[in-house]
Amino acid sequence: IYAMAALLSELGVDVQMDAEARSVGLD
């Protein structure tokens, strides 16, 4: 999951992960 988040960030997606809430916002 963290690897995919890193890839999406590299592409320009704004990735807002909330580990405590177990959620992610992807813009």
mmCIF file of all heavy atoms, coordinates in Angstrom:
data_MODEL
# 
_entry.id   MODEL 
# 
loop_
_atom_site.group_PDB 
_atom_site.id 
_atom_site.type_symbol 
_atom_site.label_atom_id 
_atom_site.label_alt_id 
_atom_site.label_comp_id 
_atom_site.label_asym_id 
_atom_site.label_entity_id 
_atom_site.label_seq_id 
_atom_site.pdbx_PDB_ins_code 
_atom_site.Cartn_x 
_atom_site.Cartn_y 
_atom_site.Cartn_z 
_atom_site.occupancy 
_atom_site.B_iso_or_equiv 
_atom_site.pdbx_formal_charge 
_atom_site.auth_seq_id 
_atom_site.auth_comp_id 
_atom_site.auth_asym_id 
_atom_site.auth_atom_id 
_atom_site.pdbx_PDB_model_num 
ATOM 1   N N   . ILE A 1 1  ? 0.842  -1.201 0.000   1.00 0.00 ? 1  ILE A N   1 
ATOM 2   C CA  . ILE A 1 1  ? 0.000  0.000  0.000   1.00 0.00 ? 1  ILE A CA  1 
ATOM 3   C C   . ILE A 1 1  ? 0.876  1.250  0.000   1.00 0.00 ? 1  ILE A C   1 
ATOM 4   O O   . ILE A 1 1  ? 0.623  2.209  -0.740  1.00 0.00 ? 1  ILE A O   1 
ATOM 5   C CB  . ILE A 1 1  ? -0.950 -0.002 1.215   1.00 0.00 ? 1  ILE A CB  1 
ATOM 6   C CG1 . ILE A 1 1  ? -1.908 -1.186 1.143   1.00 0.00 ? 1  ILE A CG1 1 
ATOM 7   C CG2 . ILE A 1 1  ? -1.699 1.324  1.324   1.00 0.00 ? 1  ILE A CG2 1 
ATOM 8   C CD1 . ILE A 1 1  ? -2.827 -1.194 -0.054  1.00 0.00 ? 1  ILE A CD1 1 
ATOM 9   N N   . TYR A 1 2  ? 1.927  1.226  0.806   1.00 0.00 ? 2  TYR A N   1 
ATOM 10  C CA  . TYR A 1 2  ? 2.826  2.387  0.858   1.00 0.00 ? 2  TYR A CA  1 
ATOM 11  C C   . TYR A 1 2  ? 3.586  2.547  -0.461  1.00 0.00 ? 2  TYR A C   1 
ATOM 12  O O   . TYR A 1 2  ? 3.869  3.669  -0.895  1.00 0.00 ? 2  TYR A O   1 
ATOM 13  C CB  . TYR A 1 2  ? 3.780  2.261  2.047   1.00 0.00 ? 2  TYR A CB  1 
ATOM 14  C CG  . TYR A 1 2  ? 3.055  2.252  3.377   1.00 0.00 ? 2  TYR A CG  1 
ATOM 15  C CD1 . TYR A 1 2  ? 3.105  1.146  4.215   1.00 0.00 ? 2  TYR A CD1 1 
ATOM 16  C CD2 . TYR A 1 2  ? 2.280  3.337  3.778   1.00 0.00 ? 2  TYR A CD2 1 
ATOM 17  C CE1 . TYR A 1 2  ? 2.414  1.121  5.421   1.00 0.00 ? 2  TYR A CE1 1 
ATOM 18  C CE2 . TYR A 1 2  ? 1.583  3.322  4.983   1.00 0.00 ? 2  TYR A CE2 1 
ATOM 19  C CZ  . TYR A 1 2  ? 1.654  2.211  5.799   1.00 0.00 ? 2  TYR A CZ  1 
ATOM 20  O OH  . TYR A 1 2  ? 0.951  2.193  6.984   1.00 0.00 ? 2  TYR A OH  1 
ATOM 21  N N   . ALA A 1 3  ? 3.912  1.425  -1.104  1.00 0.00 ? 3  ALA A N   1 
ATOM 22  C CA  . ALA A 1 3  ? 4.571  1.491  -2.409  1.00 0.00 ? 3  ALA A CA  1 
ATOM 23  C C   . ALA A 1 3  ? 3.649  2.112  -3.463  1.00 0.00 ? 3  ALA A C   1 
ATOM 24  O O   . ALA A 1 3  ? 4.073  2.945  -4.270  1.00 0.00 ? 3  ALA A O   1 
ATOM 25  C CB  . ALA A 1 3  ? 5.024  0.099  -2.851  1.00 0.00 ? 3  ALA A CB  1 
ATOM 26  N N   . MET A 1 4  ? 2.365  1.719  -3.454  1.00 0.00 ? 4  MET A N   1 
ATOM 27  C CA  . MET A 1 4  ? 1.409  2.307  -4.400  1.00 0.00 ? 4  MET A CA  1 
ATOM 28  C C   . MET A 1 4  ? 1.200  3.789  -4.099  1.00 0.00 ? 4  MET A C   1 
ATOM 29  O O   . MET A 1 4  ? 1.101  4.613  -5.021  1.00 0.00 ? 4  MET A O   1 
ATOM 30  C CB  . MET A 1 4  ? 0.081  1.559  -4.350  1.00 0.00 ? 4  MET A CB  1 
ATOM 31  C CG  . MET A 1 4  ? -0.988 2.113  -5.309  1.00 0.00 ? 4  MET A CG  1 
ATOM 32  S SD  . MET A 1 4  ? -0.525 2.046  -7.074  1.00 0.00 ? 4  MET A SD  1 
ATOM 33  C CE  . MET A 1 4  ? -1.082 0.387  -7.488  1.00 0.00 ? 4  MET A CE  1 
ATOM 34  N N   . ALA A 1 5  ? 1.151  4.152  -2.819  1.00 0.00 ? 5  ALA A N   1 
ATOM 35  C CA  . ALA A 1 5  ? 1.013  5.563  -2.445  1.00 0.00 ? 5  ALA A CA  1 
ATOM 36  C C   . ALA A 1 5  ? 2.204  6.376  -2.961  1.00 0.00 ? 5  ALA A C   1 
ATOM 37  O O   . ALA A 1 5  ? 2.040  7.495  -3.467  1.00 0.00 ? 5  ALA A O   1 
ATOM 38  C CB  . ALA A 1 5  ? 0.886  5.693  -0.931  1.00 0.00 ? 5  ALA A CB  1 
ATOM 39  N N   . ALA A 1 6  ? 3.406  5.792  -2.856  1.00 0.00 ? 6  ALA A N   1 
ATOM 40  C CA  . ALA A 1 6  ? 4.604  6.478  -3.346  1.00 0.00 ? 6  ALA A CA  1 
ATOM 41  C C   . ALA A 1 6  ? 4.542  6.661  -4.865  1.00 0.00 ? 6  ALA A C   1 
ATOM 42  O O   . ALA A 1 6  ? 4.918  7.712  -5.396  1.00 0.00 ? 6  ALA A O   1 
ATOM 43  C CB  . ALA A 1 6  ? 5.857  5.696  -2.954  1.00 0.00 ? 6  ALA A CB  1 
ATOM 44  N N   . LEU A 1 7  ? 4.063  5.633  -5.564  1.00 0.00 ? 7  LEU A N   1 
ATOM 45  C CA  . LEU A 1 7  ? 3.948  5.715  -7.021  1.00 0.00 ? 7  LEU A CA  1 
ATOM 46  C C   . LEU A 1 7  ? 2.943  6.795  -7.424  1.00 0.00 ? 7  LEU A C   1 
ATOM 47  O O   . LEU A 1 7  ? 3.218  7.617  -8.308  1.00 0.00 ? 7  LEU A O   1 
ATOM 48  C CB  . LEU A 1 7  ? 3.529  4.361  -7.586  1.00 0.00 ? 7  LEU A CB  1 
ATOM 49  C CG  . LEU A 1 7  ? 3.211  4.300  -9.084  1.00 0.00 ? 7  LEU A CG  1 
ATOM 50  C CD1 . LEU A 1 7  ? 4.379  4.811  -9.919  1.00 0.00 ? 7  LEU A CD1 1 
ATOM 51  C CD2 . LEU A 1 7  ? 2.824  2.891  -9.502  1.00 0.00 ? 7  LEU A CD2 1 
ATOM 52  N N   . LEU A 1 8  ? 1.786  6.813  -6.777  1.00 0.00 ? 8  LEU A N   1 
ATOM 53  C CA  . LEU A 1 8  ? 0.769  7.815  -7.111  1.00 0.00 ? 8  LEU A CA  1 
ATOM 54  C C   . LEU A 1 8  ? 1.270  9.221  -6.802  1.00 0.00 ? 8  LEU A C   1 
ATOM 55  O O   . LEU A 1 8  ? 1.020  10.166 -7.568  1.00 0.00 ? 8  LEU A O   1 
ATOM 56  C CB  . LEU A 1 8  ? -0.531 7.522  -6.353  1.00 0.00 ? 8  LEU A CB  1 
ATOM 57  C CG  . LEU A 1 8  ? -1.251 6.234  -6.770  1.00 0.00 ? 8  LEU A CG  1 
ATOM 58  C CD1 . LEU A 1 8  ? -2.439 5.963  -5.851  1.00 0.00 ? 8  LEU A CD1 1 
ATOM 59  C CD2 . LEU A 1 8  ? -1.715 6.303  -8.229  1.00 0.00 ? 8  LEU A CD2 1 
ATOM 60  N N   . SER A 1 9  ? 2.001  9.378  -5.699  1.00 0.00 ? 9  SER A N   1 
ATOM 61  C CA  . SER A 1 9  ? 2.595  10.686 -5.379  1.00 0.00 ? 9  SER A CA  1 
ATOM 62  C C   . SER A 1 9  ? 3.570  11.121 -6.460  1.00 0.00 ? 9  SER A C   1 
ATOM 63  O O   . SER A 1 9  ? 3.611  12.297 -6.849  1.00 0.00 ? 9  SER A O   1 
ATOM 64  C CB  . SER A 1 9  ? 3.310  10.626 -4.023  1.00 0.00 ? 9  SER A CB  1 
ATOM 65  O OG  . SER A 1 9  ? 2.400  10.432 -2.974  1.00 0.00 ? 9  SER A OG  1 
ATOM 66  N N   . GLU A 1 10 ? 4.361  10.163 -6.941  1.00 0.00 ? 10 GLU A N   1 
ATOM 67  C CA  . GLU A 1 10 ? 5.315  10.439 -8.019  1.00 0.00 ? 10 GLU A CA  1 
ATOM 68  C C   . GLU A 1 10 ? 4.599  10.953 -9.265  1.00 0.00 ? 10 GLU A C   1 
ATOM 69  O O   . GLU A 1 10 ? 5.115  11.810 -9.996  1.00 0.00 ? 10 GLU A O   1 
ATOM 70  C CB  . GLU A 1 10 ? 6.081  9.155  -8.347  1.00 0.00 ? 10 GLU A CB  1 
ATOM 71  C CG  . GLU A 1 10 ? 7.113  9.275  -9.459  1.00 0.00 ? 10 GLU A CG  1 
ATOM 72  C CD  . GLU A 1 10 ? 8.453  9.809  -8.983  1.00 0.00 ? 10 GLU A CD  1 
ATOM 73  O OE1 . GLU A 1 10 ? 8.669  9.911  -7.751  1.00 0.00 ? 10 GLU A OE1 1 
ATOM 74  O OE2 . GLU A 1 10 ? 9.274  10.141 -9.843  1.00 0.00 ? 10 GLU A OE2 1 
ATOM 75  N N   . LEU A 1 11 ? 3.396  10.442 -9.513  1.00 0.00 ? 11 LEU A N   1 
ATOM 76  C CA  . LEU A 1 11 ? 2.631  10.852 -10.692 1.00 0.00 ? 11 LEU A CA  1 
ATOM 77  C C   . LEU A 1 11 ? 1.905  12.183 -10.493 1.00 0.00 ? 11 LEU A C   1 
ATOM 78  O O   . LEU A 1 11 ? 1.379  12.753 -11.460 1.00 0.00 ? 11 LEU A O   1 
ATOM 79  C CB  . LEU A 1 11 ? 1.608  9.770  -11.044 1.00 0.00 ? 11 LEU A CB  1 
ATOM 80  C CG  . LEU A 1 11 ? 2.196  8.406  -11.450 1.00 0.00 ? 11 LEU A CG  1 
ATOM 81  C CD1 . LEU A 1 11 ? 1.088  7.361  -11.598 1.00 0.00 ? 11 LEU A CD1 1 
ATOM 82  C CD2 . LEU A 1 11 ? 2.993  8.513  -12.743 1.00 0.00 ? 11 LEU A CD2 1 
ATOM 83  N N   . GLY A 1 12 ? 1.857  12.660 -9.242  1.00 0.00 ? 12 GLY A N   1 
ATOM 84  C CA  . GLY A 1 12 ? 1.228  13.953 -8.978  1.00 0.00 ? 12 GLY A CA  1 
ATOM 85  C C   . GLY A 1 12 ? -0.067 13.882 -8.192  1.00 0.00 ? 12 GLY A C   1 
ATOM 86  O O   . GLY A 1 12 ? -0.711 14.907 -7.943  1.00 0.00 ? 12 GLY A O   1 
ATOM 87  N N   . VAL A 1 13 ? -0.485 12.677 -7.780  1.00 0.00 ? 13 VAL A N   1 
ATOM 88  C CA  . VAL A 1 13 ? -1.684 12.545 -6.946  1.00 0.00 ? 13 VAL A CA  1 
ATOM 89  C C   . VAL A 1 13 ? -1.357 13.048 -5.542  1.00 0.00 ? 13 VAL A C   1 
ATOM 90  O O   . VAL A 1 13 ? -0.299 12.742 -4.989  1.00 0.00 ? 13 VAL A O   1 
ATOM 91  C CB  . VAL A 1 13 ? -2.164 11.075 -6.883  1.00 0.00 ? 13 VAL A CB  1 
ATOM 92  C CG1 . VAL A 1 13 ? -3.353 10.931 -5.932  1.00 0.00 ? 13 VAL A CG1 1 
ATOM 93  C CG2 . VAL A 1 13 ? -2.518 10.572 -8.276  1.00 0.00 ? 13 VAL A CG2 1 
ATOM 94  N N   . ASP A 1 14 ? -2.260 13.846 -4.968  1.00 0.00 ? 14 ASP A N   1 
ATOM 95  C CA  . ASP A 1 14 ? -2.120 14.282 -3.583  1.00 0.00 ? 14 ASP A CA  1 
ATOM 96  C C   . ASP A 1 14 ? -2.641 13.153 -2.692  1.00 0.00 ? 14 ASP A C   1 
ATOM 97  O O   . ASP A 1 14 ? -3.841 12.870 -2.683  1.00 0.00 ? 14 ASP A O   1 
ATOM 98  C CB  . ASP A 1 14 ? -2.920 15.574 -3.360  1.00 0.00 ? 14 ASP A CB  1 
ATOM 99  C CG  . ASP A 1 14 ? -2.809 16.077 -1.929  1.00 0.00 ? 14 ASP A CG  1 
ATOM 100 O OD1 . ASP A 1 14 ? -1.851 15.689 -1.228  1.00 0.00 ? 14 ASP A OD1 1 
ATOM 101 O OD2 . ASP A 1 14 ? -3.702 16.839 -1.497  1.00 0.00 ? 14 ASP A OD2 1 
ATOM 102 N N   . VAL A 1 15 ? -1.733 12.507 -1.978  1.00 0.00 ? 15 VAL A N   1 
ATOM 103 C CA  . VAL A 1 15 ? -2.067 11.332 -1.163  1.00 0.00 ? 15 VAL A CA  1 
ATOM 104 C C   . VAL A 1 15 ? -2.076 11.738 0.305   1.00 0.00 ? 15 VAL A C   1 
ATOM 105 O O   . VAL A 1 15 ? -1.048 12.144 0.852   1.00 0.00 ? 15 VAL A O   1 
ATOM 106 C CB  . VAL A 1 15 ? -1.053 10.189 -1.389  1.00 0.00 ? 15 VAL A CB  1 
ATOM 107 C CG1 . VAL A 1 15 ? -1.404 8.980  -0.529  1.00 0.00 ? 15 VAL A CG1 1 
ATOM 108 C CG2 . VAL A 1 15 ? -0.994 9.800  -2.861  1.00 0.00 ? 15 VAL A CG2 1 
ATOM 109 N N   . GLN A 1 16 ? -3.239 11.633 0.947   1.00 0.00 ? 16 GLN A N   1 
ATOM 110 C CA  . GLN A 1 16 ? -3.379 11.976 2.365   1.00 0.00 ? 16 GLN A CA  1 
ATOM 111 C C   . GLN A 1 16 ? -3.757 10.716 3.136   1.00 0.00 ? 16 GLN A C   1 
ATOM 112 O O   . GLN A 1 16 ? -4.915 10.326 3.187   1.00 0.00 ? 16 GLN A O   1 
ATOM 113 C CB  . GLN A 1 16 ? -4.459 13.053 2.541   1.00 0.00 ? 16 GLN A CB  1 
ATOM 114 C CG  . GLN A 1 16 ? -4.162 14.362 1.832   1.00 0.00 ? 16 GLN A CG  1 
ATOM 115 C CD  . GLN A 1 16 ? -3.005 15.124 2.462   1.00 0.00 ? 16 GLN A CD  1 
ATOM 116 O OE1 . GLN A 1 16 ? -2.760 15.015 3.658   1.00 0.00 ? 16 GLN A OE1 1 
ATOM 117 N NE2 . GLN A 1 16 ? -2.278 15.880 1.645   1.00 0.00 ? 16 GLN A NE2 1 
ATOM 118 N N   . MET A 1 17 ? -2.742 10.061 3.725   1.00 0.00 ? 17 MET A N   1 
ATOM 119 C CA  . MET A 1 17 ? -2.985 8.825  4.467   1.00 0.00 ? 17 MET A CA  1 
ATOM 120 C C   . MET A 1 17 ? -3.201 9.121  5.934   1.00 0.00 ? 17 MET A C   1 
ATOM 121 O O   . MET A 1 17 ? -2.478 9.927  6.521   1.00 0.00 ? 17 MET A O   1 
ATOM 122 C CB  . MET A 1 17 ? -1.820 7.843  4.286   1.00 0.00 ? 17 MET A CB  1 
ATOM 123 C CG  . MET A 1 17 ? -1.626 7.382  2.853   1.00 0.00 ? 17 MET A CG  1 
ATOM 124 S SD  . MET A 1 17 ? -0.438 6.032  2.694   1.00 0.00 ? 17 MET A SD  1 
ATOM 125 C CE  . MET A 1 17 ? -1.396 4.661  3.295   1.00 0.00 ? 17 MET A CE  1 
ATOM 126 N N   . ASP A 1 18 ? -4.195 8.460  6.523   1.00 0.00 ? 18 ASP A N   1 
ATOM 127 C CA  . ASP A 1 18 ? -4.478 8.574  7.950   1.00 0.00 ? 18 ASP A CA  1 
ATOM 128 C C   . ASP A 1 18 ? -4.414 7.166  8.530   1.00 0.00 ? 18 ASP A C   1 
ATOM 129 O O   . ASP A 1 18 ? -5.381 6.413  8.476   1.00 0.00 ? 18 ASP A O   1 
ATOM 130 C CB  . ASP A 1 18 ? -5.863 9.200  8.165   1.00 0.00 ? 18 ASP A CB  1 
ATOM 131 C CG  . ASP A 1 18 ? -6.163 9.481  9.641   1.00 0.00 ? 18 ASP A CG  1 
ATOM 132 O OD1 . ASP A 1 18 ? -5.561 8.805  10.502  1.00 0.00 ? 18 ASP A OD1 1 
ATOM 133 O OD2 . ASP A 1 18 ? -7.008 10.352 9.922   1.00 0.00 ? 18 ASP A OD2 1 
ATOM 134 N N   . ALA A 1 19 ? -3.241 6.825  9.078   1.00 0.00 ? 19 ALA A N   1 
ATOM 135 C CA  . ALA A 1 19 ? -3.023 5.465  9.559   1.00 0.00 ? 19 ALA A CA  1 
ATOM 136 C C   . ALA A 1 19 ? -3.968 5.121  10.704  1.00 0.00 ? 19 ALA A C   1 
ATOM 137 O O   . ALA A 1 19 ? -4.464 3.998  10.796  1.00 0.00 ? 19 ALA A O   1 
ATOM 138 C CB  . ALA A 1 19 ? -1.571 5.295  9.997   1.00 0.00 ? 19 ALA A CB  1 
ATOM 139 N N   . GLU A 1 20 ? -4.237 6.093  11.576  1.00 0.00 ? 20 GLU A N   1 
ATOM 140 C CA  . GLU A 1 20 ? -5.105 5.832  12.722  1.00 0.00 ? 20 GLU A CA  1 
ATOM 141 C C   . GLU A 1 20 ? -6.537 5.549  12.272  1.00 0.00 ? 20 GLU A C   1 
ATOM 142 O O   . GLU A 1 20 ? -7.197 4.639  12.775  1.00 0.00 ? 20 GLU A O   1 
ATOM 143 C CB  . GLU A 1 20 ? -5.075 7.023  13.680  1.00 0.00 ? 20 GLU A CB  1 
ATOM 144 C CG  . GLU A 1 20 ? -5.714 6.729  15.022  1.00 0.00 ? 20 GLU A CG  1 
ATOM 145 C CD  . GLU A 1 20 ? -5.494 7.852  16.020  1.00 0.00 ? 20 GLU A CD  1 
ATOM 146 O OE1 . GLU A 1 20 ? -4.437 8.522  15.966  1.00 0.00 ? 20 GLU A OE1 1 
ATOM 147 O OE2 . GLU A 1 20 ? -6.389 8.057  16.859  1.00 0.00 ? 20 GLU A OE2 1 
ATOM 148 N N   . ALA A 1 21 ? -7.012 6.325  11.300  1.00 0.00 ? 21 ALA A N   1 
ATOM 149 C CA  . ALA A 1 21 ? -8.380 6.134  10.798  1.00 0.00 ? 21 ALA A CA  1 
ATOM 150 C C   . ALA A 1 21 ? -8.452 5.030  9.750   1.00 0.00 ? 21 ALA A C   1 
ATOM 151 O O   . ALA A 1 21 ? -9.536 4.667  9.302   1.00 0.00 ? 21 ALA A O   1 
ATOM 152 C CB  . ALA A 1 21 ? -8.894 7.439  10.205  1.00 0.00 ? 21 ALA A CB  1 
ATOM 153 N N   . ARG A 1 22 ? -7.282 4.518  9.344   1.00 0.00 ? 22 ARG A N   1 
ATOM 154 C CA  . ARG A 1 22 ? -7.197 3.474  8.320   1.00 0.00 ? 22 ARG A CA  1 
ATOM 155 C C   . ARG A 1 22 ? -7.902 3.930  7.039   1.00 0.00 ? 22 ARG A C   1 
ATOM 156 O O   . ARG A 1 22 ? -8.749 3.224  6.477   1.00 0.00 ? 22 ARG A O   1 
ATOM 157 C CB  . ARG A 1 22 ? -7.788 2.149  8.830   1.00 0.00 ? 22 ARG A CB  1 
ATOM 158 C CG  . ARG A 1 22 ? -7.187 1.685  10.144  1.00 0.00 ? 22 ARG A CG  1 
ATOM 159 C CD  . ARG A 1 22 ? -7.681 0.330  10.567  1.00 0.00 ? 22 ARG A CD  1 
ATOM 160 N NE  . ARG A 1 22 ? -7.152 -0.717 9.707   1.00 0.00 ? 22 ARG A NE  1 
ATOM 161 C CZ  . ARG A 1 22 ? -5.927 -1.230 9.797   1.00 0.00 ? 22 ARG A CZ  1 
ATOM 162 N NH1 . ARG A 1 22 ? -5.092 -0.772 10.704  1.00 0.00 ? 22 ARG A NH1 1 
ATOM 163 N NH2 . ARG A 1 22 ? -5.537 -2.176 8.982   1.00 0.00 ? 22 ARG A NH2 1 
ATOM 164 N N   . SER A 1 23 ? -7.539 5.118  6.580   1.00 0.00 ? 23 SER A N   1 
ATOM 165 C CA  . SER A 1 23 ? -8.145 5.654  5.367   1.00 0.00 ? 23 SER A CA  1 
ATOM 166 C C   . SER A 1 23 ? -7.101 6.426  4.570   1.00 0.00 ? 23 SER A C   1 
ATOM 167 O O   . SER A 1 23 ? -6.032 6.766  5.078   1.00 0.00 ? 23 SER A O   1 
ATOM 168 C CB  . SER A 1 23 ? -9.325 6.573  5.702   1.00 0.00 ? 23 SER A CB  1 
ATOM 169 O OG  . SER A 1 23 ? -8.868 7.754  6.330   1.00 0.00 ? 23 SER A OG  1 
ATOM 170 N N   . VAL A 1 24 ? -7.428 6.678  3.300   1.00 0.00 ? 24 VAL A N   1 
ATOM 171 C CA  . VAL A 1 24 ? -6.560 7.493  2.454   1.00 0.00 ? 24 VAL A CA  1 
ATOM 172 C C   . VAL A 1 24 ? -7.431 8.344  1.547   1.00 0.00 ? 24 VAL A C   1 
ATOM 173 O O   . VAL A 1 24 ? -8.429 7.875  0.995   1.00 0.00 ? 24 VAL A O   1 
ATOM 174 C CB  . VAL A 1 24 ? -5.577 6.617  1.630   1.00 0.00 ? 24 VAL A CB  1 
ATOM 175 C CG1 . VAL A 1 24 ? -6.325 5.669  0.688   1.00 0.00 ? 24 VAL A CG1 1 
ATOM 176 C CG2 . VAL A 1 24 ? -4.592 7.485  0.848   1.00 0.00 ? 24 VAL A CG2 1 
ATOM 177 N N   . GLY A 1 25 ? -7.053 9.615  1.443   1.00 0.00 ? 25 GLY A N   1 
ATOM 178 C CA  . GLY A 1 25 ? -7.681 10.512 0.486   1.00 0.00 ? 25 GLY A CA  1 
ATOM 179 C C   . GLY A 1 25 ? -6.759 10.700 -0.703  1.00 0.00 ? 25 GLY A C   1 
ATOM 180 O O   . GLY A 1 25 ? -5.563 10.964 -0.541  1.00 0.00 ? 25 GLY A O   1 
ATOM 181 N N   . LEU A 1 26 ? -7.283 10.518 -1.910  1.00 0.00 ? 26 LEU A N   1 
ATOM 182 C CA  . LEU A 1 26 ? -6.475 10.583 -3.134  1.00 0.00 ? 26 LEU A CA  1 
ATOM 183 C C   . LEU A 1 26 ? -7.076 11.631 -4.056  1.00 0.00 ? 26 LEU A C   1 
ATOM 184 O O   . LEU A 1 26 ? -8.215 11.496 -4.505  1.00 0.00 ? 26 LEU A O   1 
ATOM 185 C CB  . LEU A 1 26 ? -6.457 9.214  -3.819  1.00 0.00 ? 26 LEU A CB  1 
ATOM 186 C CG  . LEU A 1 26 ? -5.920 8.057  -2.960  1.00 0.00 ? 26 LEU A CG  1 
ATOM 187 C CD1 . LEU A 1 26 ? -6.431 6.729  -3.463  1.00 0.00 ? 26 LEU A CD1 1 
ATOM 188 C CD2 . LEU A 1 26 ? -4.396 8.081  -2.952  1.00 0.00 ? 26 LEU A CD2 1 
ATOM 189 N N   . ASP A 1 27 ? -6.310 12.685 -4.333  1.00 0.00 ? 27 ASP A N   1 
ATOM 190 C CA  . ASP A 1 27 ? -6.781 13.784 -5.165  1.00 0.00 ? 27 ASP A CA  1 
ATOM 191 C C   . ASP A 1 27 ? -5.928 13.841 -6.431  1.00 0.00 ? 27 ASP A C   1 
ATOM 192 O O   . ASP A 1 27 ? -4.752 14.202 -6.380  1.00 0.00 ? 27 ASP A O   1 
ATOM 193 C CB  . ASP A 1 27 ? -6.695 15.102 -4.388  1.00 0.00 ? 27 ASP A CB  1 
ATOM 194 C CG  . ASP A 1 27 ? -7.346 16.265 -5.107  1.00 0.00 ? 27 ASP A CG  1 
ATOM 195 O OD1 . ASP A 1 27 ? -7.448 16.198 -6.352  1.00 0.00 ? 27 ASP A OD1 1 
ATOM 196 O OD2 . ASP A 1 27 ? -7.749 17.236 -4.442  1.00 0.00 ? 27 ASP A OD2 1 
# 
